[in-house]
Amino acid sequence: MRVLMMSTPAPTHFTPLVSLAWALRGSGHEVVVAGQPDVLGAVASAGLNAVNVGDWFHVDDMLVAGLREGERPLETRPRASLEAMGGYGRVWMTHARYLVGRYMEFARIYGPDLIVSDPLEYSSLLVGGVLGVPVVQQRWGVDLISGPARAEARPGFGPLCERLGLAGLPDPAVLLDPCPPGLQAPGAEPGSPIRFVPFNGNGVVPGWLREPRSASRPRVVVTLGSRTLALNGVPLMRGILRAFEELPEVEAVATVDEVFREKVGPVPANVRMVDPVPLHLVLDGCAAVVHHGGAGTTMTAGAFGLPQLVLPQLADQFGHGDRVSEVGAGISLDDAESQNDSHRLAVELRRLLAEPEFAKAARALADSVRDMPAPAQVAADLTRLAGL
């Protein structure tokens, strides 16, 4: 079977698809990823083959351009409603209309039996509809976006669909859902389960992980993902790390790219700043994670059964924080005043580490992840979907 994978131009939109790509390859199928240059590094990191479609998109530059100096996205858009999530459909509809011709050209040459994409790559639905190829889309995690966004985008695709001979924007044949049912957003469009297998990029296990450490001193990982620091998030990181002055019994490991270290400044003695490293390499044996609410980070911490302190900044990060908090596996602070208060952060971290209910709920979340069908099983089902 020939599988064409397609991704919107953000590496974190692609990496959730990697475990399924590996399962398909391991089953003997051919997999090629088509995308803009923004995602090709992530594709190569996963050991997969790619085809370049279009030019750089620079989604981070677009986000920065919308901010005033020193302002975080959180302070521009305090909360993400379902209506706001629908607005992402218009953004990615415009993107798809510009690129669908290039995707179509390659797909006609490649001849896929199955198309797999993330839930905002509408070109996949158009290409699949024209070629008569089933399309599978896979969520990233807690899903406040895909259903409202597709509904918002659908009317705008009318003229293009008419030119392509389609009655309208098709729905995916299968919507894969890596989020455990208990964590998924209430009212989300029903999906087919697939186990979340953590993959946050390729890398070498850092030497500091092999250093002796005290079994009685809990380690907390602090990570703000790949873009929060660039989106005026350095003061946020500085304040988070300052909170550990009130937690001398805790060891903190913060992933901070070298370019931001000087701006972050000096840190407490119990804080270690390290280069960004794939998160799944460092969470084993940790006690908790402090993060920005990105889907990959939330789901990875959930798979490891770790309590989470979530500090969402934009888009569906608020929904991830809400659901982690609602199932009891963590705490979410979703306003700038709370996030900027180092003492408040220290208080919530101490609660997270001291109250056993958080650890219990986090372990239950990890158990529910393991209970979902493995990607290899899903790959076999998709082979039947393709009629092969």
Protein backbone atom coordinates (compact mmCIF):
# COMPACT_ATOMS: atom_id res chain seq x y z
CA MET A 1 0.00 0.00 0.00
CA ARG A 2 1.19 3.49 -0.84
CA VAL A 3 0.47 6.04 1.90
CA LEU A 4 0.69 9.78 1.35
CA MET A 5 1.02 11.78 4.56
CA MET A 6 0.30 15.51 4.52
CA SER A 7 0.86 18.09 7.24
CA THR A 8 0.19 21.74 7.85
CA PRO A 9 3.50 23.63 8.14
CA ALA A 10 4.33 23.28 11.84
CA PRO A 11 6.57 20.47 13.14
CA THR A 12 4.32 19.92 16.16
CA HIS A 13 1.41 19.32 13.79
CA PHE A 14 3.35 16.49 12.17
CA THR A 15 5.04 14.67 15.06
CA PRO A 16 1.79 13.13 16.40
CA LEU A 17 1.54 11.23 13.10
CA VAL A 18 4.97 9.63 13.44
CA SER A 19 3.99 6.52 15.41
CA LEU A 20 1.36 5.65 12.79
CA ALA A 21 3.88 6.24 10.00
CA TRP A 22 6.30 3.85 11.72
CA ALA A 23 3.56 1.27 12.15
CA LEU A 24 2.65 1.48 8.48
CA ARG A 25 6.30 1.18 7.45
CA GLY A 26 6.79 -1.72 9.86
CA SER A 27 3.86 -3.47 8.19
CA GLY A 28 5.61 -3.22 4.83
CA HIS A 29 3.78 -0.23 3.40
CA GLU A 30 5.38 2.68 1.55
CA VAL A 31 5.06 6.06 3.29
CA VAL A 32 5.92 9.47 1.84
CA VAL A 33 5.31 12.77 3.62
CA ALA A 34 4.42 15.83 1.54
CA GLY A 35 4.76 19.21 3.17
CA GLN A 36 6.33 22.63 3.18
CA PRO A 37 9.96 23.12 4.25
CA ASP A 38 8.80 24.01 7.78
CA VAL A 39 8.05 20.33 8.55
CA LEU A 40 10.75 18.58 6.54
CA GLY A 41 13.24 18.65 9.42
CA ALA A 42 10.74 16.87 11.66
CA VAL A 43 10.10 14.32 8.91
CA ALA A 44 13.82 13.61 8.56
CA SER A 45 14.17 13.37 12.36
CA ALA A 46 11.55 10.63 12.30
CA GLY A 47 13.48 8.68 9.66
CA LEU A 48 10.82 9.16 6.99
CA ASN A 49 10.98 10.22 3.35
CA ALA A 50 9.55 13.54 2.25
CA VAL A 51 8.57 15.59 -0.77
CA ASN A 52 8.79 19.38 -0.60
CA VAL A 53 5.54 21.10 -1.53
CA GLY A 54 5.56 24.90 -1.63
CA ASP A 55 7.71 27.50 0.11
CA TRP A 56 8.43 28.24 3.75
CA PHE A 57 5.32 29.29 5.66
CA HIS A 58 6.99 30.74 8.81
CA VAL A 59 4.01 30.37 11.13
CA ASP A 60 6.05 31.63 14.11
CA ASP A 61 6.85 34.88 12.29
CA MET A 62 3.14 35.39 11.73
CA LEU A 63 2.46 34.94 15.45
CA VAL A 64 5.25 37.33 16.46
CA ALA A 65 4.00 39.96 14.02
CA GLY A 66 0.67 40.08 15.83
CA LEU A 67 2.20 40.91 19.23
CA ARG A 68 3.19 44.22 20.77
CA GLU A 69 6.70 44.44 22.22
CA GLY A 70 7.00 42.29 25.33
CA GLU A 71 3.45 40.95 25.01
CA ARG A 72 2.62 37.25 25.11
CA PRO A 73 -0.23 35.72 23.08
CA LEU A 74 -1.99 35.01 26.38
CA GLU A 75 -2.34 38.74 26.99
CA THR A 76 -3.77 39.29 23.52
CA ARG A 77 -6.32 36.49 23.59
CA PRO A 78 -7.05 35.55 27.22
CA ARG A 79 -9.16 32.53 26.46
CA ALA A 80 -10.00 30.32 23.49
CA SER A 81 -13.70 29.63 22.98
CA LEU A 82 -15.15 27.10 20.56
CA GLU A 83 -16.07 30.04 18.32
CA ALA A 84 -12.47 31.25 18.35
CA MET A 85 -11.29 27.73 17.50
CA GLY A 86 -13.52 27.81 14.44
CA GLY A 87 -11.54 30.79 13.22
CA TYR A 88 -8.55 28.55 12.59
CA GLY A 89 -10.61 26.96 9.82
CA ARG A 90 -10.47 30.20 7.84
CA VAL A 91 -6.69 30.45 8.24
CA TRP A 92 -6.01 26.93 7.02
CA MET A 93 -8.69 27.14 4.33
CA THR A 94 -6.72 29.98 2.73
CA HIS A 95 -3.53 27.95 3.08
CA ALA A 96 -5.11 24.91 1.42
CA ARG A 97 -6.52 26.89 -1.49
CA TYR A 98 -3.05 28.13 -2.38
CA LEU A 99 -1.35 24.72 -2.14
CA VAL A 100 -3.92 22.14 -3.19
CA GLY A 101 -2.82 22.28 -6.84
CA ARG A 102 0.75 21.36 -5.93
CA TYR A 103 -0.41 18.56 -3.66
CA MET A 104 -2.73 17.30 -6.39
CA GLU A 105 0.07 17.29 -8.93
CA PHE A 106 2.29 15.13 -6.74
CA ALA A 107 -0.55 12.84 -5.65
CA ARG A 108 -1.47 12.07 -9.26
CA ILE A 109 2.12 11.02 -9.89
CA TYR A 110 2.52 9.08 -6.64
CA GLY A 111 -0.83 7.27 -6.78
CA PRO A 112 -1.61 6.81 -3.06
CA ASP A 113 -3.94 4.10 -1.80
CA LEU A 114 -4.45 6.01 1.45
CA ILE A 115 -3.95 9.62 2.57
CA VAL A 116 -3.17 10.52 6.19
CA SER A 117 -3.01 14.07 7.54
CA ASP A 118 -3.38 16.27 10.57
CA PRO A 119 -6.89 17.69 11.14
CA LEU A 120 -6.21 21.14 9.66
CA GLU A 121 -4.63 20.05 6.36
CA TYR A 122 -7.74 20.46 4.22
CA SER A 123 -5.78 19.80 1.04
CA SER A 124 -5.82 16.14 2.05
CA LEU A 125 -9.62 16.07 1.93
CA LEU A 126 -9.69 17.77 -1.47
CA VAL A 127 -7.02 15.53 -2.99
CA GLY A 128 -8.67 12.42 -1.59
CA GLY A 129 -12.07 13.52 -2.84
CA VAL A 130 -10.84 14.15 -6.39
CA LEU A 131 -8.76 10.96 -6.61
CA GLY A 132 -11.27 8.74 -4.81
CA VAL A 133 -8.73 7.85 -2.09
CA PRO A 134 -9.83 7.44 1.56
CA VAL A 135 -8.48 10.14 3.88
CA VAL A 136 -7.58 9.57 7.51
CA GLN A 137 -6.99 12.53 9.79
CA GLN A 138 -5.41 12.26 13.23
CA ARG A 139 -5.96 14.62 16.12
CA TRP A 140 -3.13 15.93 18.27
CA GLY A 141 -4.83 15.46 21.64
CA VAL A 142 -7.69 17.27 23.39
CA ASP A 143 -9.58 18.50 20.34
CA LEU A 144 -11.36 21.83 20.46
CA ILE A 145 -10.31 22.67 16.91
CA SER A 146 -10.97 20.12 14.18
CA GLY A 147 -14.77 19.98 14.19
CA PRO A 148 -15.48 23.73 14.61
CA ALA A 149 -12.67 24.67 12.21
CA ARG A 150 -13.86 22.32 9.46
CA ALA A 151 -17.42 23.61 9.83
CA GLU A 152 -16.18 27.20 9.62
CA ALA A 153 -14.02 26.49 6.58
CA ARG A 154 -16.53 24.44 4.60
CA PRO A 155 -18.55 27.32 3.04
CA GLY A 156 -15.39 29.05 1.85
CA PHE A 157 -14.36 25.96 -0.10
CA GLY A 158 -17.56 26.01 -2.19
CA PRO A 159 -16.21 27.61 -5.41
CA LEU A 160 -13.00 25.54 -5.33
CA CYS A 161 -14.91 22.31 -4.73
CA GLU A 162 -17.18 23.12 -7.64
CA ARG A 163 -14.17 23.58 -9.93
CA LEU A 164 -12.75 20.27 -8.70
CA GLY A 165 -16.01 18.45 -9.31
CA LEU A 166 -16.79 17.95 -5.62
CA ALA A 167 -20.13 18.61 -3.98
CA GLY A 168 -18.32 20.22 -1.05
CA LEU A 169 -15.39 19.75 1.30
CA PRO A 170 -15.42 16.03 2.17
CA ASP A 171 -15.16 14.78 5.73
CA PRO A 172 -12.36 12.37 6.62
CA ALA A 173 -13.21 8.69 6.24
CA VAL A 174 -11.65 8.13 9.68
CA LEU A 175 -10.78 10.59 12.43
CA LEU A 176 -8.14 8.99 14.64
CA ASP A 177 -8.12 10.06 18.27
CA PRO A 178 -5.01 9.53 20.45
CA CYS A 179 -6.65 11.25 23.42
CA PRO A 180 -8.06 8.92 26.10
CA PRO A 181 -11.86 9.23 26.26
CA GLY A 182 -11.79 10.53 29.82
CA LEU A 183 -9.47 13.39 28.84
CA GLN A 184 -11.07 14.33 25.53
CA ALA A 185 -13.12 17.52 25.40
CA PRO A 186 -16.84 16.96 26.05
CA GLY A 187 -18.78 17.30 22.82
CA ALA A 188 -15.80 16.63 20.58
CA GLU A 189 -16.57 14.88 17.31
CA PRO A 190 -16.37 11.09 17.82
CA GLY A 191 -13.10 9.52 16.71
CA SER A 192 -11.46 6.11 16.43
CA PRO A 193 -8.92 5.41 19.19
CA ILE A 194 -5.20 5.05 18.58
CA ARG A 195 -2.63 4.80 21.36
CA PHE A 196 -0.46 7.86 21.84
CA VAL A 197 3.21 6.87 21.56
CA PRO A 198 5.45 9.72 22.73
CA PHE A 199 7.75 11.13 20.06
CA ASN A 200 9.02 14.68 20.41
CA GLY A 201 11.79 14.51 17.82
CA ASN A 202 15.06 12.68 17.52
CA GLY A 203 18.12 13.29 19.66
CA VAL A 204 20.93 11.95 21.81
CA VAL A 205 20.21 11.09 25.44
CA PRO A 206 22.03 13.87 27.35
CA GLY A 207 24.90 13.00 29.65
CA TRP A 208 23.37 14.74 32.68
CA LEU A 209 20.61 12.12 32.72
CA ARG A 210 23.24 9.51 33.64
CA GLU A 211 24.57 11.48 36.60
CA PRO A 212 23.80 10.11 40.09
CA ARG A 213 20.84 11.80 41.77
CA SER A 214 19.11 11.65 45.11
CA ALA A 215 16.12 9.31 45.14
CA SER A 216 14.46 11.54 47.75
CA ARG A 217 14.71 14.75 45.71
CA PRO A 218 11.89 15.04 43.17
CA ARG A 219 12.80 16.26 39.71
CA VAL A 220 10.45 18.65 37.91
CA VAL A 221 10.86 19.33 34.20
CA VAL A 222 10.05 22.84 32.93
CA THR A 223 9.46 23.19 29.21
CA LEU A 224 7.63 25.86 27.23
CA GLY A 225 7.76 24.05 23.91
CA SER A 226 9.40 25.16 20.70
CA ARG A 227 7.93 28.65 20.34
CA THR A 228 6.76 30.18 23.64
CA LEU A 229 10.14 31.75 24.47
CA ALA A 230 10.29 33.30 21.01
CA LEU A 231 6.79 34.72 21.55
CA ASN A 232 7.99 37.05 24.32
CA GLY A 233 7.96 34.21 26.83
CA VAL A 234 11.39 34.79 28.42
CA PRO A 235 9.93 36.71 31.40
CA LEU A 236 7.50 33.83 31.94
CA MET A 237 10.36 31.32 32.05
CA ARG A 238 12.33 33.60 34.37
CA GLY A 239 9.39 33.78 36.77
CA ILE A 240 8.80 30.02 36.69
CA LEU A 241 12.41 29.30 37.56
CA ARG A 242 12.40 31.93 40.31
CA ALA A 243 9.57 29.97 41.94
CA PHE A 244 12.03 27.17 42.72
CA GLU A 245 13.75 29.44 45.24
CA GLU A 246 10.80 28.56 47.49
CA LEU A 247 11.21 24.83 46.71
CA PRO A 248 14.81 24.04 47.72
CA GLU A 249 13.90 20.37 48.19
CA VAL A 250 13.07 20.07 44.47
CA GLU A 251 15.41 19.71 41.49
CA ALA A 252 14.25 21.60 38.40
CA VAL A 253 15.41 20.90 34.86
CA ALA A 254 14.43 23.62 32.37
CA THR A 255 14.84 23.26 28.62
CA VAL A 256 16.06 26.64 27.34
CA ASP A 257 17.76 27.20 24.01
CA GLU A 258 21.19 28.84 24.27
CA VAL A 259 19.94 31.97 22.48
CA PHE A 260 17.61 32.75 25.40
CA ARG A 261 19.90 31.86 28.34
CA GLU A 262 21.40 35.32 28.84
CA LYS A 263 17.95 36.93 28.78
CA VAL A 264 16.63 34.46 31.34
CA GLY A 265 19.53 35.43 33.60
CA PRO A 266 20.74 33.76 36.80
CA VAL A 267 18.64 30.94 38.22
CA PRO A 268 18.32 29.37 41.69
CA ALA A 269 20.92 26.80 42.69
CA ASN A 270 18.43 23.93 42.37
CA VAL A 271 17.66 24.76 38.72
CA ARG A 272 19.55 23.29 35.78
CA MET A 273 19.06 24.89 32.36
CA VAL A 274 19.68 22.46 29.50
CA ASP A 275 19.46 22.55 25.73
CA PRO A 276 16.10 21.51 24.29
CA VAL A 277 15.91 17.74 24.15
CA PRO A 278 13.10 15.42 23.03
CA LEU A 279 10.77 15.36 26.00
CA HIS A 280 10.18 11.63 25.91
CA LEU A 281 13.88 11.10 26.64
CA VAL A 282 13.86 12.96 29.97
CA LEU A 283 10.54 12.34 31.73
CA ASP A 284 11.18 8.85 33.09
CA GLY A 285 11.66 9.11 36.85
CA CYS A 286 10.42 12.69 37.08
CA ALA A 287 7.77 13.87 39.55
CA ALA A 288 5.94 16.56 37.54
CA VAL A 289 6.05 18.74 34.43
CA VAL A 290 5.51 22.49 34.10
CA HIS A 291 4.57 23.47 30.57
CA HIS A 292 2.62 25.69 28.17
CA GLY A 293 -0.21 23.30 27.31
CA GLY A 294 0.94 22.20 23.88
CA ALA A 295 -0.70 19.02 22.67
CA GLY A 296 2.55 17.05 22.38
CA THR A 297 3.75 18.06 25.83
CA THR A 298 0.38 17.43 27.47
CA MET A 299 -0.02 14.03 25.88
CA THR A 300 3.59 13.01 26.57
CA ALA A 301 3.34 13.95 30.25
CA GLY A 302 0.03 12.08 30.36
CA ALA A 303 1.56 8.96 28.84
CA PHE A 304 4.30 9.05 31.49
CA GLY A 305 1.70 9.43 34.26
CA LEU A 306 3.09 12.74 35.56
CA PRO A 307 1.13 15.53 37.27
CA GLN A 308 1.15 18.73 35.22
CA LEU A 309 1.20 22.45 35.94
CA VAL A 310 -0.17 23.97 32.73
CA LEU A 311 0.38 27.63 31.80
CA PRO A 312 -1.45 27.98 28.45
CA GLN A 313 -0.58 30.77 26.05
CA LEU A 314 -2.71 30.41 22.91
CA ALA A 315 -5.17 28.38 20.84
CA ASP A 316 -6.02 24.87 22.07
CA GLN A 317 -3.47 25.08 24.90
CA PHE A 318 -6.27 26.41 27.10
CA GLY A 319 -8.38 23.34 26.37
CA HIS A 320 -5.50 21.04 27.27
CA GLY A 321 -5.00 22.84 30.57
CA ASP A 322 -8.72 22.77 31.34
CA ARG A 323 -9.05 19.03 30.75
CA VAL A 324 -5.89 18.09 32.68
CA SER A 325 -7.24 20.08 35.60
CA GLU A 326 -10.77 18.69 35.29
CA VAL A 327 -9.61 15.05 35.40
CA GLY A 328 -7.49 15.83 38.46
CA ALA A 329 -4.11 15.15 36.80
CA GLY A 330 -2.83 18.68 37.23
CA ILE A 331 -3.43 22.38 37.72
CA SER A 332 -4.00 24.99 35.03
CA LEU A 333 -3.35 28.72 35.51
CA ASP A 334 -4.76 30.45 32.46
CA ASP A 335 -4.40 34.16 33.23
CA ALA A 336 -1.34 36.38 33.03
CA GLU A 337 -1.57 37.58 36.63
CA SER A 338 -1.31 34.06 38.03
CA GLN A 339 1.36 32.95 35.56
CA ASN A 340 3.53 35.99 36.33
CA ASP A 341 3.38 35.43 40.12
CA SER A 342 6.39 33.31 41.13
CA HIS A 343 5.04 32.78 44.65
CA ARG A 344 1.71 31.52 43.27
CA LEU A 345 3.59 29.14 40.98
CA ALA A 346 5.60 27.82 43.94
CA VAL A 347 2.44 27.26 45.97
CA GLU A 348 0.75 25.34 43.15
CA LEU A 349 3.86 23.27 42.48
CA ARG A 350 4.08 22.31 46.14
CA ARG A 351 0.43 21.21 46.01
CA LEU A 352 1.07 19.24 42.85
CA LEU A 353 3.95 17.36 44.46
CA ALA A 354 2.47 16.92 47.94
CA GLU A 355 -1.18 15.99 47.35
CA PRO A 356 -1.42 12.32 46.33
CA GLU A 357 -4.64 12.80 44.35
CA PHE A 358 -2.73 14.45 41.52
CA ALA A 359 -0.29 11.55 41.15
CA LYS A 360 -3.12 9.03 41.36
CA ALA A 361 -5.11 10.74 38.60
CA ALA A 362 -1.98 11.09 36.45
CA ARG A 363 -1.22 7.37 36.76
CA ALA A 364 -4.82 6.58 35.82
CA LEU A 365 -4.42 8.75 32.74
CA ALA A 366 -1.29 6.82 31.75
CA ASP A 367 -3.16 3.54 32.20
CA SER A 368 -5.92 4.76 29.89
CA VAL A 369 -3.32 5.65 27.26
CA ARG A 370 -1.88 2.12 27.39
CA ASP A 371 -5.37 0.63 27.05
CA MET A 372 -5.89 2.18 23.60
CA PRO A 373 -5.21 0.22 20.37
CA ALA A 374 -1.57 0.20 19.35
CA PRO A 375 -0.61 1.97 16.10
CA ALA A 376 0.24 -1.41 14.55
CA GLN A 377 -3.34 -2.57 15.10
CA VAL A 378 -4.69 0.66 13.61
CA ALA A 379 -2.37 0.27 10.60
CA ALA A 380 -3.91 -3.13 9.89
CA ASP A 381 -7.38 -1.61 10.05
CA LEU A 382 -6.38 1.15 7.62
CA THR A 383 -5.10 -1.41 5.16
CA ARG A 384 -8.61 -2.85 5.05
CA LEU A 385 -10.05 0.68 4.69
CA ALA A 386 -7.95 1.11 1.57
CA GLY A 387 -9.37 -2.15 0.22
CA LEU A 388 -6.03 -3.95 0.19
